[in-house]
C-alpha atoms as a PDB file:
ATOM      1  CA  UNK A   1       0.108   0.205   0.033  1.00  0.00           C
ATOM      2  CA  UNK A   2       2.831   2.417   0.897  1.00  0.00           C
ATOM      3  CA  UNK A   3       4.816   1.432  -2.025  1.00  0.00           C
ATOM      4  CA  UNK A   4       1.639   2.192  -4.411  1.00  0.00           C
ATOM      5  CA  UNK A   5       1.141   5.553  -2.693  1.00  0.00           C
ATOM      6  CA  UNK A   6       4.783   6.619  -3.277  1.00  0.00           C
ATOM      7  CA  UNK A   7       4.480   5.575  -7.108  1.00  0.00           C
ATOM      8  CA  UNK A   8       1.697   7.818  -7.378  1.00  0.00           C
ATOM      9  CA  UNK A   9       3.611  10.793  -5.468  1.00  0.00           C
ATOM     10  CA  UNK A  10       6.425  10.228  -7.861  1.00  0.00           C
ATOM     11  CA  UNK A  11       4.276  10.085 -10.934  1.00  0.00           C
ATOM     12  CA  UNK A  12       2.593  13.132  -9.806  1.00  0.00           C
ATOM     13  CA  UNK A  13       5.717  15.005  -9.401  1.00  0.00           C
ATOM     14  CA  UNK A  14       7.333  13.675 -12.664  1.00  0.00           C
ATOM     15  CA  UNK A  15       4.032  15.144 -14.480  1.00  0.00           C
ATOM     16  CA  UNK A  16       4.658  18.459 -12.489  1.00  0.00           C
ATOM     17  CA  UNK A  17       8.398  18.351 -13.672  1.00  0.00           C
ATOM     18  CA  UNK A  18       7.069  17.785 -17.190  1.00  0.00           C
ATOM     19  CA  UNK A  19       4.418  20.747 -17.229  1.00  0.00           C
ATOM     20  CA  UNK A  20       7.238  23.030 -15.733  1.00  0.00           C
ATOM     21  CA  UNK A  21       9.616  22.115 -18.700  1.00  0.00           C
ATOM     22  CA  UNK A  22       7.193  22.121 -21.588  1.00  0.00           C
ATOM     23  CA  UNK A  23       4.863  24.959 -20.689  1.00  0.00           C
ATOM     24  CA  UNK A  24       7.384  27.519 -21.645  1.00  0.00           C
ATOM     25  CA  UNK A  25       7.905  26.043 -25.004  1.00  0.00           C
ATOM     26  CA  UNK A  26       4.169  25.536 -25.676  1.00  0.00           C
ATOM     27  CA  UNK A  27       3.613  29.241 -24.661  1.00  0.00           C
ATOM     28  CA  UNK A  28       6.424  30.279 -27.125  1.00  0.00           C
ATOM     29  CA  UNK A  29       5.120  28.624 -30.043  1.00  0.00           C
ATOM     30  CA  UNK A  30       1.356  29.530 -29.357  1.00  0.00           C
ATOM     31  CA  UNK A  31       2.134  33.350 -28.947  1.00  0.00           C
ATOM     32  CA  UNK A  32       4.914  33.461 -31.745  1.00  0.00           C
ATOM     33  CA  UNK A  33       2.665  32.583 -34.528  1.00  0.00           C
ATOM     34  CA  UNK A  34       1.768  35.779 -36.581  1.00  0.00           C
ATOM     35  CA  UNK A  35       4.349  37.927 -34.782  1.00  0.00           C
ATOM     36  CA  UNK A  36       5.692  40.553 -36.985  1.00  0.00           C
ATOM     37  CA  UNK A  37       9.360  40.203 -38.179  1.00  0.00           C
ATOM     38  CA  UNK A  38      12.294  41.810 -36.354  1.00  0.00           C
ATOM     39  CA  UNK A  39      13.653  42.690 -39.796  1.00  0.00           C
ATOM     40  CA  UNK A  40      11.360  45.346 -39.997  1.00  0.00           C
ATOM     41  CA  UNK A  41      13.810  47.628 -38.233  1.00  0.00           C
ATOM     42  CA  UNK A  42      16.438  47.355 -40.714  1.00  0.00           C
ATOM     43  CA  UNK A  43      13.924  47.777 -43.617  1.00  0.00           C
ATOM     44  CA  UNK A  44      11.642  50.710 -42.410  1.00  0.00           C
ATOM     45  CA  UNK A  45      12.430  54.345 -42.730  1.00  0.00           C
ATOM     46  CA  UNK A  46      10.833  56.578 -39.788  1.00  0.00           C
ATOM     47  CA  UNK A  47       9.179  59.869 -41.065  1.00  0.00           C
ATOM     48  CA  UNK A  48      11.163  62.941 -40.607  1.00  0.00           C
ATOM     49  CA  UNK A  49      10.362  66.338 -40.151  1.00  0.00           C
ATOM     50  CA  UNK A  50      10.423  68.882 -43.158  1.00  0.00           C
ATOM     51  CA  UNK A  51      12.540  72.028 -42.145  1.00  0.00           C
ATOM     52  CA  UNK A  52      12.356  75.432 -43.553  1.00  0.00           C
ATOM     53  CA  UNK A  53      15.499  77.291 -43.092  1.00  0.00           C
ATOM     54  CA  UNK A  54      16.427  80.871 -43.629  1.00  0.00           C
ATOM     55  CA  UNK A  55      18.544  82.179 -46.605  1.00  0.00           C
ATOM     56  CA  UNK A  56      21.959  80.975 -44.946  1.00  0.00           C
ATOM     57  CA  UNK A  57      20.605  77.575 -44.732  1.00  0.00           C
ATOM     58  CA  UNK A  58      21.649  77.243 -41.190  1.00  0.00           C
ATOM     59  CA  UNK A  59      18.854  78.505 -39.072  1.00  0.00           C
ATOM     60  CA  UNK A  60      15.705  76.493 -39.227  1.00  0.00           C
ATOM     61  CA  UNK A  61      12.716  78.890 -39.242  1.00  0.00           C
ATOM     62  CA  UNK A  62       9.925  75.972 -39.026  1.00  0.00           C
ATOM     63  CA  UNK A  63       9.584  72.385 -39.237  1.00  0.00           C
ATOM     64  CA  UNK A  64       6.598  70.798 -40.750  1.00  0.00           C
ATOM     65  CA  UNK A  65       5.507  67.548 -39.366  1.00  0.00           C
ATOM     66  CA  UNK A  66       2.374  65.703 -38.387  1.00  0.00           C
ATOM     67  CA  UNK A  67       2.360  63.595 -35.078  1.00  0.00           C
ATOM     68  CA  UNK A  68       5.829  62.985 -34.779  1.00  0.00           C
ATOM     69  CA  UNK A  69       8.797  65.838 -34.936  1.00  0.00           C
ATOM     70  CA  UNK A  70      12.029  63.828 -35.729  1.00  0.00           C
ATOM     71  CA  UNK A  71      15.655  64.066 -37.071  1.00  0.00           C
ATOM     72  CA  UNK A  72      17.402  61.002 -37.582  1.00  0.00           C
ATOM     73  CA  UNK A  73      20.916  60.806 -35.869  1.00  0.00           C
ATOM     74  CA  UNK A  74      23.378  58.433 -36.528  1.00  0.00           C
ATOM     75  CA  UNK A  75      24.694  56.478 -33.224  1.00  0.00           C
ATOM     76  CA  UNK A  76      28.427  57.770 -33.665  1.00  0.00           C
ATOM     77  CA  UNK A  77      26.898  61.609 -33.409  1.00  0.00           C
ATOM     78  CA  UNK A  78      25.154  60.866 -29.971  1.00  0.00           C
ATOM     79  CA  UNK A  79      27.334  61.593 -27.016  1.00  0.00           C
ATOM     80  CA  UNK A  80      28.478  58.855 -25.043  1.00  0.00           C
ATOM     81  CA  UNK A  81      27.145  60.265 -21.850  1.00  0.00           C
ATOM     82  CA  UNK A  82      23.564  60.291 -23.250  1.00  0.00           C
ATOM     83  CA  UNK A  83      23.630  56.662 -24.187  1.00  0.00           C
ATOM     84  CA  UNK A  84      24.746  56.220 -20.698  1.00  0.00           C
ATOM     85  CA  UNK A  85      22.180  58.389 -19.015  1.00  0.00           C
ATOM     86  CA  UNK A  86      19.475  56.518 -21.134  1.00  0.00           C
ATOM     87  CA  UNK A  87      20.878  52.957 -20.086  1.00  0.00           C
ATOM     88  CA  UNK A  88      21.173  53.995 -16.242  1.00  0.00           C
ATOM     89  CA  UNK A  89      17.693  55.439 -16.171  1.00  0.00           C
ATOM     90  CA  UNK A  90      15.836  52.938 -18.478  1.00  0.00           C
ATOM     91  CA  UNK A  91      18.006  49.543 -18.698  1.00  0.00           C
ATOM     92  CA  UNK A  92      21.039  49.532 -16.388  1.00  0.00           C
ATOM     93  CA  UNK A  93      21.739  45.979 -17.503  1.00  0.00           C
ATOM     94  CA  UNK A  94      21.425  46.565 -21.302  1.00  0.00           C
ATOM     95  CA  UNK A  95      24.958  45.358 -22.723  1.00  0.00           C
ATOM     96  CA  UNK A  96      24.837  42.189 -20.466  1.00  0.00           C
ATOM     97  CA  UNK A  97      21.389  40.563 -20.985  1.00  0.00           C
ATOM     98  CA  UNK A  98      19.942  38.737 -23.893  1.00  0.00           C
ATOM     99  CA  UNK A  99      16.913  41.228 -24.703  1.00  0.00           C
ATOM    100  CA  UNK A 100      14.971  40.441 -21.264  1.00  0.00           C
ATOM    101  CA  UNK A 101      16.248  41.078 -17.852  1.00  0.00           C
ATOM    102  CA  UNK A 102      15.096  38.223 -15.785  1.00  0.00           C
ATOM    103  CA  UNK A 103      16.004  40.022 -12.646  1.00  0.00           C
ATOM    104  CA  UNK A 104      14.068  43.253 -13.546  1.00  0.00           C
ATOM    105  CA  UNK A 105      11.007  41.338 -14.414  1.00  0.00           C
ATOM    106  CA  UNK A 106      11.036  39.484 -11.044  1.00  0.00           C
ATOM    107  CA  UNK A 107      11.597  42.870  -9.283  1.00  0.00           C
ATOM    108  CA  UNK A 108       8.775  44.186 -11.062  1.00  0.00           C
ATOM    109  CA  UNK A 109       6.453  41.514 -10.293  1.00  0.00           C
ATOM    110  CA  UNK A 110       7.223  41.837  -6.626  1.00  0.00           C
ATOM    111  CA  UNK A 111       6.594  45.392  -6.576  1.00  0.00           C
ATOM    112  CA  UNK A 112       3.243  44.938  -8.481  1.00  0.00           C
ATOM    113  CA  UNK A 113       2.196  42.371  -5.923  1.00  0.00           C
ATOM    114  CA  UNK A 114       3.225  44.454  -3.141  1.00  0.00           C
ATOM    115  CA  UNK A 115       1.177  47.428  -4.253  1.00  0.00           C
ATOM    116  CA  UNK A 116      -1.582  45.266  -5.614  1.00  0.00           C
ATOM    117  CA  UNK A 117      -1.813  46.664  -9.363  1.00  0.00           C
ATOM    118  CA  UNK A 118       0.452  46.313 -12.248  1.00  0.00           C
ATOM    119  CA  UNK A 119       2.398  49.353 -12.585  1.00  0.00           C
ATOM    120  CA  UNK A 120       6.263  48.338 -12.694  1.00  0.00           C
ATOM    121  CA  UNK A 121       7.009  46.508 -16.131  1.00  0.00           C
ATOM    122  CA  UNK A 122      10.464  45.898 -15.901  1.00  0.00           C
ATOM    123  CA  UNK A 123      10.992  46.245 -19.620  1.00  0.00           C
ATOM    124  CA  UNK A 124      14.490  46.486 -21.148  1.00  0.00           C
ATOM    125  CA  UNK A 125      15.074  49.005 -24.018  1.00  0.00           C
ATOM    126  CA  UNK A 126      14.504  46.195 -26.746  1.00  0.00           C
ATOM    127  CA  UNK A 127      11.326  45.497 -25.327  1.00  0.00           C
ATOM    128  CA  UNK A 128      10.089  49.093 -25.031  1.00  0.00           C
ATOM    129  CA  UNK A 129      11.432  49.419 -28.563  1.00  0.00           C
ATOM    130  CA  UNK A 130       9.226  46.438 -29.561  1.00  0.00           C
ATOM    131  CA  UNK A 131       6.213  47.574 -27.701  1.00  0.00           C
ATOM    132  CA  UNK A 132       6.235  51.125 -29.228  1.00  0.00           C
ATOM    133  CA  UNK A 133       6.778  49.742 -32.642  1.00  0.00           C
ATOM    134  CA  UNK A 134       4.197  47.035 -32.725  1.00  0.00           C
ATOM    135  CA  UNK A 135       2.024  46.936 -29.547  1.00  0.00           C
ATOM    136  CA  UNK A 136      -0.318  49.197 -27.621  1.00  0.00           C
ATOM    137  CA  UNK A 137       0.415  50.185 -23.867  1.00  0.00           C
ATOM    138  CA  UNK A 138      -2.344  47.906 -22.698  1.00  0.00           C
ATOM    139  CA  UNK A 139      -0.795  45.796 -19.861  1.00  0.00           C
ATOM    140  CA  UNK A 140      -2.094  42.263 -20.834  1.00  0.00           C
ATOM    141  CA  UNK A 141      -0.178  38.780 -20.216  1.00  0.00           C
ATOM    142  CA  UNK A 142      -0.479  37.994 -23.828  1.00  0.00           C
ATOM    143  CA  UNK A 143       1.063  41.236 -25.019  1.00  0.00           C
ATOM    144  CA  UNK A 144       3.994  40.806 -22.701  1.00  0.00           C
ATOM    145  CA  UNK A 145       4.659  37.435 -23.807  1.00  0.00           C
ATOM    146  CA  UNK A 146       4.639  38.443 -27.390  1.00  0.00           C
ATOM    147  CA  UNK A 147       6.915  41.486 -26.527  1.00  0.00           C
ATOM    148  CA  UNK A 148       9.382  39.224 -24.743  1.00  0.00           C
ATOM    149  CA  UNK A 149       9.665  36.689 -27.670  1.00  0.00           C
ATOM    150  CA  UNK A 150      10.087  39.681 -30.160  1.00  0.00           C
ATOM    151  CA  UNK A 151      12.876  41.269 -27.945  1.00  0.00           C
ATOM    152  CA  UNK A 152      14.685  37.892 -27.664  1.00  0.00           C
ATOM    153  CA  UNK A 153      14.844  37.722 -31.132  1.00  0.00           C
ATOM    154  CA  UNK A 154      15.486  41.308 -31.953  1.00  0.00           C
ATOM    155  CA  UNK A 155      18.770  41.105 -29.631  1.00  0.00           C
ATOM    156  CA  UNK A 156      19.990  37.811 -31.022  1.00  0.00           C
ATOM    157  CA  UNK A 157      19.722  39.334 -34.632  1.00  0.00           C
ATOM    158  CA  UNK A 158      21.272  42.914 -34.093  1.00  0.00           C
ATOM    159  CA  UNK A 159      23.979  44.333 -31.970  1.00  0.00           C
ATOM    160  CA  UNK A 160      23.490  46.179 -29.000  1.00  0.00           C
ATOM    161  CA  UNK A 161      24.505  49.407 -30.559  1.00  0.00           C
ATOM    162  CA  UNK A 162      22.261  49.002 -33.543  1.00  0.00           C
ATOM    163  CA  UNK A 163      19.146  48.535 -31.274  1.00  0.00           C
ATOM    164  CA  UNK A 164      20.060  51.513 -29.092  1.00  0.00           C
ATOM    165  CA  UNK A 165      20.528  53.514 -32.079  1.00  0.00           C
ATOM    166  CA  UNK A 166      16.827  52.822 -33.119  1.00  0.00           C
ATOM    167  CA  UNK A 167      15.465  53.425 -29.724  1.00  0.00           C
ATOM    168  CA  UNK A 168      17.025  56.706 -29.450  1.00  0.00           C
ATOM    169  CA  UNK A 169      15.853  57.824 -32.742  1.00  0.00           C
ATOM    170  CA  UNK A 170      11.984  56.402 -31.803  1.00  0.00           C
ATOM    171  CA  UNK A 171      11.479  57.121 -28.310  1.00  0.00           C
ATOM    172  CA  UNK A 172       8.930  60.080 -27.510  1.00  0.00           C
ATOM    173  CA  UNK A 173      10.205  62.895 -25.458  1.00  0.00           C
ATOM    174  CA  UNK A 174       6.902  65.157 -25.361  1.00  0.00           C
ATOM    175  CA  UNK A 175       6.193  68.093 -27.266  1.00  0.00           C
ATOM    176  CA  UNK A 176       5.716  65.937 -30.458  1.00  0.00           C
ATOM    177  CA  UNK A 177       9.303  65.422 -30.269  1.00  0.00           C
ATOM    178  CA  UNK A 178      10.450  61.880 -30.996  1.00  0.00           C
ATOM    179  CA  UNK A 179      14.148  60.679 -30.992  1.00  0.00           C
ATOM    180  CA  UNK A 180      17.010  62.581 -29.036  1.00  0.00           C
ATOM    181  CA  UNK A 181      17.829  65.160 -31.836  1.00  0.00           C
ATOM    182  CA  UNK A 182      14.224  66.439 -32.229  1.00  0.00           C
ATOM    183  CA  UNK A 183      14.274  66.381 -28.410  1.00  0.00           C
ATOM    184  CA  UNK A 184      17.366  68.384 -27.740  1.00  0.00           C
ATOM    185  CA  UNK A 185      16.405  70.849 -30.631  1.00  0.00           C
ATOM    186  CA  UNK A 186      13.068  71.388 -28.769  1.00  0.00           C
ATOM    187  CA  UNK A 187      14.230  71.809 -25.323  1.00  0.00           C
ATOM    188  CA  UNK A 188      17.575  73.194 -25.492  1.00  0.00           C
ATOM    189  CA  UNK A 189      18.025  74.670 -28.998  1.00  0.00           C
ATOM    190  CA  UNK A 190      20.941  72.909 -30.047  1.00  0.00           C
ATOM    191  CA  UNK A 191      22.183  69.649 -31.723  1.00  0.00           C
ATOM    192  CA  UNK A 192      22.203  66.503 -29.780  1.00  0.00           C
ATOM    193  CA  UNK A 193      25.930  66.412 -30.306  1.00  0.00           C
ATOM    194  CA  UNK A 194      26.357  69.646 -28.422  1.00  0.00           C
ATOM    195  CA  UNK A 195      24.245  69.072 -25.168  1.00  0.00           C
ATOM    196  CA  UNK A 196      25.975  68.925 -21.749  1.00  0.00           C
ATOM    197  CA  UNK A 197      25.873  66.030 -19.433  1.00  0.00           C
ATOM    198  CA  UNK A 198      23.230  67.800 -17.217  1.00  0.00           C
ATOM    199  CA  UNK A 199      21.321  68.298 -20.357  1.00  0.00           C
ATOM    200  CA  UNK A 200      21.586  64.831 -21.375  1.00  0.00           C
ATOM    201  CA  UNK A 201      20.390  63.448 -17.942  1.00  0.00           C
ATOM    202  CA  UNK A 202      17.492  65.563 -18.244  1.00  0.00           C
ATOM    203  CA  UNK A 203      16.512  63.955 -21.565  1.00  0.00           C
ATOM    204  CA  UNK A 204      16.762  60.614 -20.227  1.00  0.00           C
ATOM    205  CA  UNK A 205      14.437  61.750 -17.203  1.00  0.00           C
ATOM    206  CA  UNK A 206      11.882  62.805 -19.521  1.00  0.00           C
ATOM    207  CA  UNK A 207      11.593  59.253 -21.399  1.00  0.00           C
ATOM    208  CA  UNK A 208       9.419  58.000 -17.793  1.00  0.00           C
ATOM    209  CA  UNK A 209       6.480  60.311 -18.481  1.00  0.00           C
ATOM    210  CA  UNK A 210       7.460  62.762 -21.266  1.00  0.00           C
ATOM    211  CA  UNK A 211       4.193  65.015 -20.603  1.00  0.00           C
ATOM    212  CA  UNK A 212       3.853  64.695 -17.084  1.00  0.00           C
ATOM    213  CA  UNK A 213       7.627  65.892 -16.632  1.00  0.00           C
ATOM    214  CA  UNK A 214       7.621  68.581 -19.230  1.00  0.00           C
ATOM    215  CA  UNK A 215       9.587  71.705 -18.094  1.00  0.00           C
ATOM    216  CA  UNK A 216       6.917  73.918 -19.489  1.00  0.00           C
ATOM    217  CA  UNK A 217       4.190  72.376 -17.147  1.00  0.00           C
ATOM    218  CA  UNK A 218       3.770  72.492 -13.531  1.00  0.00           C
ATOM    219  CA  UNK A 219       6.052  69.273 -12.868  1.00  0.00           C
ATOM    220  CA  UNK A 220       9.103  70.948 -13.525  1.00  0.00           C
ATOM    221  CA  UNK A 221      10.507  70.439 -10.301  1.00  0.00           C
ATOM    222  CA  UNK A 222       9.740  66.866 -10.373  1.00  0.00           C
ATOM    223  CA  UNK A 223      11.570  66.619 -13.922  1.00  0.00           C
ATOM    224  CA  UNK A 224      14.943  68.137 -12.303  1.00  0.00           C
ATOM    225  CA  UNK A 225      14.569  65.595  -9.235  1.00  0.00           C
ATOM    226  CA  UNK A 226      14.760  62.869 -11.737  1.00  0.00           C
ATOM    227  CA  UNK A 227      17.558  64.471 -13.507  1.00  0.00           C
ATOM    228  CA  UNK A 228      19.297  64.162 -10.453  1.00  0.00           C
ATOM    229  CA  UNK A 229      18.205  60.772  -9.889  1.00  0.00           C
ATOM    230  CA  UNK A 230      19.741  59.772 -13.346  1.00  0.00           C
ATOM    231  CA  UNK A 231      22.888  61.184 -12.633  1.00  0.00           C
ATOM    232  CA  UNK A 232      22.959  59.255  -9.115  1.00  0.00           C
ATOM    233  CA  UNK A 233      22.323  55.945 -11.416  1.00  0.00           C
ATOM    234  CA  UNK A 234      25.255  57.019 -13.668  1.00  0.00           C
ATOM    235  CA  UNK A 235      27.578  57.105 -10.747  1.00  0.00           C
ATOM    236  CA  UNK A 236      26.557  54.187  -9.182  1.00  0.00           C
ATOM    237  CA  UNK A 237      27.143  52.468 -12.613  1.00  0.00           C
ATOM    238  CA  UNK A 238      30.680  54.012 -12.899  1.00  0.00           C
ATOM    239  CA  UNK A 239      30.139  56.188 -15.693  1.00  0.00           C
ATOM    240  CA  UNK A 240      30.573  59.371 -13.528  1.00  0.00           C
ATOM    241  CA  UNK A 241      33.046  60.145 -10.833  1.00  0.00           C
ATOM    242  CA  UNK A 242      31.435  62.028  -7.703  1.00  0.00           C
ATOM    243  CA  UNK A 243      32.690  65.508  -8.757  1.00  0.00           C
ATOM    244  CA  UNK A 244      31.494  65.300 -12.128  1.00  0.00           C
ATOM    245  CA  UNK A 245      28.157  64.111 -10.681  1.00  0.00           C
ATOM    246  CA  UNK A 246      27.758  66.775  -8.402  1.00  0.00           C
ATOM    247  CA  UNK A 247      29.011  69.645 -10.994  1.00  0.00           C
ATOM    248  CA  UNK A 248      26.295  68.487 -13.505  1.00  0.00           C
ATOM    249  CA  UNK A 249      23.553  68.606 -10.730  1.00  0.00           C
ATOM    250  CA  UNK A 250      24.525  72.302 -10.069  1.00  0.00           C
ATOM    251  CA  UNK A 251      24.429  73.274 -13.795  1.00  0.00           C
ATOM    252  CA  UNK A 252      21.620  75.963 -14.530  1.00  0.00           C
ATOM    253  CA  UNK A 253      19.699  74.490 -17.235  1.00  0.00           C
ATOM    254  CA  UNK A 254      18.195  76.851 -19.832  1.00  0.00           C
ATOM    255  CA  UNK A 255      15.053  75.451 -21.817  1.00  0.00           C
ATOM    256  CA  UNK A 256      14.182  77.202 -24.966  1.00  0.00           C
ATOM    257  CA  UNK A 257      10.655  79.015 -25.304  1.00  0.00           C
ATOM    258  CA  UNK A 258       8.045  77.335 -27.385  1.00  0.00           C
ATOM    259  CA  UNK A 259       8.239  78.169 -30.920  1.00  0.00           C
ATOM    260  CA  UNK A 260       5.443  80.390 -32.188  1.00  0.00           C
ATOM    261  CA  UNK A 261       4.630  79.395 -35.790  1.00  0.00           C
ATOM    262  CA  UNK A 262       5.700  82.009 -38.281  1.00  0.00           C
ATOM    263  CA  UNK A 263       2.865  82.866 -40.719  1.00  0.00           C
ATOM    264  CA  UNK A 264       4.942  83.626 -43.548  1.00  0.00           C
ATOM    265  CA  UNK A 265       5.877  79.821 -43.789  1.00  0.00           C
ATOM    266  CA  UNK A 266       2.241  79.105 -44.595  1.00  0.00           C
ATOM    267  CA  UNK A 267       3.086  80.430 -48.301  1.00  0.00           C
ATOM    268  CA  UNK A 268       6.283  78.123 -48.211  1.00  0.00           C
ATOM    269  CA  UNK A 269       3.997  75.023 -46.943  1.00  0.00           C
ATOM    270  CA  UNK A 270       1.523  75.665 -50.039  1.00  0.00           C
ATOM    271  CA  UNK A 271       4.364  75.821 -52.204  1.00  0.00           C
ATOM    272  CA  UNK A 272       5.715  72.595 -51.249  1.00  0.00           C
ATOM    273  CA  UNK A 273       2.317  70.697 -51.184  1.00  0.00           C
ATOM    274  CA  UNK A 274       2.042  71.975 -54.917  1.00  0.00           C
END
């Protein structure tokens, strides 16, 4: 009798073991069907703004754009400390994981369970890139699984620098600015290659909540606090020394005023449309 009971327990445990092993494979193949191809990132061309310059060809008088104001910038023209600031704020393990940060997901799940609602996502930069390209922001288990599958495949196919370049040219920063070049021009009136460390940390801070943390709204103080948090994270990651971090925190940031549309450009837009 005891032996028979032991056999039943062993069979049940073996069944649970098989479920544990094969369930992830089943979920992978079930949700992987009909997924978009990761190659679309290498094939597509993101829409960029049309710019109207003055007669010198150097000063931008006006930009024509739809919902997204964007100027593509190559990875080599993006300051290293801006890359480091965004990695520190959004995905500190970016160069070491395989598209998904298991520790980050586990940490986010524990936090969600603690507060009783799905707030923390634990998403890596590849996951964020996949989500903003193919999916909505709706928090569902099905979307999350599909997002993870595509992030794993994206990381397998392309270099980290290439993935980061796509992300830096796609991520929204508020004020209809998409990508780091448009964001730098919108908030600081300069090329992204010319921004300071403090300005880079500010752009990295905006990604979390670009409209709520806008420097033109009532939460500017919160934006500056998050900028300092990003600088702290950079120092913790070994990207900055303490003196450099403290100097950047004390730097006075000057945001450009919102541009007012120049009516004379209406005629130029009509001419371009024709």
